[in-house]
Amino acid sequence: MNSQEIISLYEAVSDITDKMLAAARVGDWDRLVQLEEHCASHVQTLRDGEPPEPLTGGLRERKVQIIHKILADDREIRNLTEPWMAQLSALMQNAGTERKLSSAYRPNF
């Protein structure tokens, strides 16, 4: 991959994280998961294709800016999803506890 292709791919990841953040803000968890899978695919492409020699000059600065934005989006997405994940976990634990109690106290006929 050449330098411009690398930057374009980083920009694509940034665009996806924008959409992921928008989905998280409105609680569209299904869309968030779809976008996350799409983002992971792009990240894997970067891992597989980014040359070992670092970018220089303006391209390096642009890459750093994009990465900072991606990390900021990721932080905000986590802030939005962690309470939902905790709530979901609590619901699942309650359902498991109810099943155990029901099984333990069900009459054996």
C-alpha atoms as a PDB file:
ATOM      1  CA  MET A   1       0.000   0.000   0.000  1.00  0.00           C
ATOM      2  CA  ASN A   2       1.280   3.471  -0.771  1.00  0.00           C
ATOM      3  CA  SER A   3       1.136   6.424   1.621  1.00  0.00           C
ATOM      4  CA  GLN A   4      -2.049   7.925   0.191  1.00  0.00           C
ATOM      5  CA  GLU A   5      -3.846   4.573   0.366  1.00  0.00           C
ATOM      6  CA  ILE A   6      -2.858   4.268   4.010  1.00  0.00           C
ATOM      7  CA  ILE A   7      -4.207   7.726   4.814  1.00  0.00           C
ATOM      8  CA  SER A   8      -7.410   6.980   2.891  1.00  0.00           C
ATOM      9  CA  LEU A   9      -7.897   3.811   4.891  1.00  0.00           C
ATOM     10  CA  TYR A  10      -7.350   5.658   8.180  1.00  0.00           C
ATOM     11  CA  GLU A  11      -9.890   8.254   7.040  1.00  0.00           C
ATOM     12  CA  ALA A  12     -12.354   5.462   6.244  1.00  0.00           C
ATOM     13  CA  VAL A  13     -11.896   4.080   9.767  1.00  0.00           C
ATOM     14  CA  SER A  14     -12.500   7.564  11.140  1.00  0.00           C
ATOM     15  CA  ASP A  15     -15.703   7.885   9.095  1.00  0.00           C
ATOM     16  CA  ILE A  16     -16.893   4.535  10.422  1.00  0.00           C
ATOM     17  CA  THR A  17     -16.174   5.529  14.029  1.00  0.00           C
ATOM     18  CA  ASP A  18     -18.228   8.705  13.413  1.00  0.00           C
ATOM     19  CA  LYS A  19     -21.143   6.511  12.367  1.00  0.00           C
ATOM     20  CA  MET A  20     -20.554   4.170  15.314  1.00  0.00           C
ATOM     21  CA  LEU A  21     -20.712   7.129  17.686  1.00  0.00           C
ATOM     22  CA  ALA A  22     -23.946   8.341  16.098  1.00  0.00           C
ATOM     23  CA  ALA A  23     -25.448   4.858  16.482  1.00  0.00           C
ATOM     24  CA  ALA A  24     -24.374   4.682  20.126  1.00  0.00           C
ATOM     25  CA  ARG A  25     -25.857   8.098  20.845  1.00  0.00           C
ATOM     26  CA  VAL A  26     -29.299   6.950  19.686  1.00  0.00           C
ATOM     27  CA  GLY A  27     -28.991   3.467  21.176  1.00  0.00           C
ATOM     28  CA  ASP A  28     -28.977   1.669  17.823  1.00  0.00           C
ATOM     29  CA  TRP A  29     -26.935  -1.279  19.113  1.00  0.00           C
ATOM     30  CA  ASP A  30     -27.521  -3.472  16.063  1.00  0.00           C
ATOM     31  CA  ARG A  31     -26.143  -0.783  13.758  1.00  0.00           C
ATOM     32  CA  LEU A  32     -23.230  -0.218  16.139  1.00  0.00           C
ATOM     33  CA  VAL A  33     -22.303  -3.902  15.948  1.00  0.00           C
ATOM     34  CA  GLN A  34     -22.501  -3.893  12.134  1.00  0.00           C
ATOM     35  CA  LEU A  35     -20.282  -0.835  11.940  1.00  0.00           C
ATOM     36  CA  GLU A  36     -17.851  -2.288  14.451  1.00  0.00           C
ATOM     37  CA  GLU A  37     -17.414  -5.368  12.248  1.00  0.00           C
ATOM     38  CA  HIS A  38     -16.850  -3.132   9.213  1.00  0.00           C
ATOM     39  CA  CYS A  39     -14.310  -1.092  11.175  1.00  0.00           C
ATOM     40  CA  ALA A  40     -12.464  -4.224  12.322  1.00  0.00           C
ATOM     41  CA  SER A  41     -12.141  -5.297   8.695  1.00  0.00           C
ATOM     42  CA  HIS A  42     -10.522  -1.986   7.765  1.00  0.00           C
ATOM     43  CA  VAL A  43      -8.187  -2.157  10.767  1.00  0.00           C
ATOM     44  CA  GLN A  44      -7.106  -5.659   9.734  1.00  0.00           C
ATOM     45  CA  THR A  45      -6.405  -4.373   6.239  1.00  0.00           C
ATOM     46  CA  LEU A  46      -4.182  -1.699   7.780  1.00  0.00           C
ATOM     47  CA  ARG A  47      -2.369  -4.281   9.898  1.00  0.00           C
ATOM     48  CA  ASP A  48      -1.800  -6.507   6.887  1.00  0.00           C
ATOM     49  CA  GLY A  49      -0.877  -3.842   4.369  1.00  0.00           C
ATOM     50  CA  GLU A  50       0.767  -0.929   6.128  1.00  0.00           C
ATOM     51  CA  PRO A  51       4.457  -0.891   5.211  1.00  0.00           C
ATOM     52  CA  PRO A  52       6.996  -0.987   8.037  1.00  0.00           C
ATOM     53  CA  GLU A  53       8.539   2.349   7.073  1.00  0.00           C
ATOM     54  CA  PRO A  54       6.761   5.247   8.810  1.00  0.00           C
ATOM     55  CA  LEU A  55       5.032   8.068   7.035  1.00  0.00           C
ATOM     56  CA  THR A  56       6.839  11.393   6.983  1.00  0.00           C
ATOM     57  CA  GLY A  57       5.945  15.066   7.011  1.00  0.00           C
ATOM     58  CA  GLY A  58       2.371  16.135   6.463  1.00  0.00           C
ATOM     59  CA  LEU A  59       1.117  12.594   5.937  1.00  0.00           C
ATOM     60  CA  ARG A  60       2.500  11.569   9.313  1.00  0.00           C
ATOM     61  CA  GLU A  61       0.794  14.529  10.972  1.00  0.00           C
ATOM     62  CA  ARG A  62      -2.492  13.702   9.223  1.00  0.00           C
ATOM     63  CA  LYS A  63      -2.259  10.089  10.394  1.00  0.00           C
ATOM     64  CA  VAL A  64      -1.683  11.219  13.979  1.00  0.00           C
ATOM     65  CA  GLN A  65      -4.695  13.591  13.794  1.00  0.00           C
ATOM     66  CA  ILE A  66      -6.916  10.826  12.452  1.00  0.00           C
ATOM     67  CA  ILE A  67      -5.772   8.388  15.138  1.00  0.00           C
ATOM     68  CA  HIS A  68      -6.485  10.968  17.862  1.00  0.00           C
ATOM     69  CA  LYS A  69      -9.995  11.447  16.495  1.00  0.00           C
ATOM     70  CA  ILE A  70     -10.595   7.695  16.280  1.00  0.00           C
ATOM     71  CA  LEU A  71      -9.457   7.301  19.894  1.00  0.00           C
ATOM     72  CA  ALA A  72     -11.697  10.162  21.042  1.00  0.00           C
ATOM     73  CA  ASP A  73     -14.679   8.607  19.255  1.00  0.00           C
ATOM     74  CA  ASP A  74     -13.854   5.227  20.791  1.00  0.00           C
ATOM     75  CA  ARG A  75     -13.709   6.765  24.273  1.00  0.00           C
ATOM     76  CA  GLU A  76     -17.104   8.400  23.831  1.00  0.00           C
ATOM     77  CA  ILE A  77     -18.604   5.200  22.399  1.00  0.00           C
ATOM     78  CA  ARG A  78     -17.353   3.302  25.458  1.00  0.00           C
ATOM     79  CA  ASN A  79     -18.845   5.949  27.755  1.00  0.00           C
ATOM     80  CA  LEU A  80     -22.192   5.444  26.034  1.00  0.00           C
ATOM     81  CA  THR A  81     -22.112   1.657  25.818  1.00  0.00           C
ATOM     82  CA  GLU A  82     -20.713   0.724  29.219  1.00  0.00           C
ATOM     83  CA  PRO A  83     -23.896   1.653  31.154  1.00  0.00           C
ATOM     84  CA  TRP A  84     -25.980  -0.267  28.616  1.00  0.00           C
ATOM     85  CA  MET A  85     -23.659  -3.273  28.901  1.00  0.00           C
ATOM     86  CA  ALA A  86     -23.894  -3.158  32.701  1.00  0.00           C
ATOM     87  CA  GLN A  87     -27.682  -3.028  32.494  1.00  0.00           C
ATOM     88  CA  LEU A  88     -27.733  -5.931  30.050  1.00  0.00           C
ATOM     89  CA  SER A  89     -25.414  -7.934  32.293  1.00  0.00           C
ATOM     90  CA  ALA A  90     -27.661  -7.291  35.301  1.00  0.00           C
ATOM     91  CA  LEU A  91     -30.713  -8.433  33.326  1.00  0.00           C
ATOM     92  CA  MET A  92     -28.943 -11.608  32.291  1.00  0.00           C
ATOM     93  CA  GLN A  93     -27.843 -12.325  35.856  1.00  0.00           C
ATOM     94  CA  ASN A  94     -31.396 -11.779  37.130  1.00  0.00           C
ATOM     95  CA  ALA A  95     -32.768 -14.166  34.514  1.00  0.00           C
ATOM     96  CA  GLY A  96     -30.173 -16.766  35.507  1.00  0.00           C
ATOM     97  CA  THR A  97     -31.005 -16.356  39.179  1.00  0.00           C
ATOM     98  CA  GLU A  98     -34.717 -16.706  38.454  1.00  0.00           C
ATOM     99  CA  ARG A  99     -34.069 -19.939  36.532  1.00  0.00           C
ATOM    100  CA  LYS A 100     -31.978 -21.357  39.375  1.00  0.00           C
ATOM    101  CA  LEU A 101     -34.611 -20.471  41.971  1.00  0.00           C
ATOM    102  CA  SER A 102     -37.387 -21.878  39.842  1.00  0.00           C
ATOM    103  CA  SER A 103     -35.471 -25.087  39.338  1.00  0.00           C
ATOM    104  CA  ALA A 104     -34.536 -25.399  43.004  1.00  0.00           C
ATOM    105  CA  TYR A 105     -38.033 -24.815  44.327  1.00  0.00           C
ATOM    106  CA  ARG A 106     -40.091 -26.497  41.597  1.00  0.00           C
ATOM    107  CA  PRO A 107     -42.188 -29.304  43.027  1.00  0.00           C
ATOM    108  CA  ASN A 108     -40.983 -32.729  41.995  1.00  0.00           C
ATOM    109  CA  PHE A 109     -44.097 -34.595  40.899  1.00  0.00           C
END
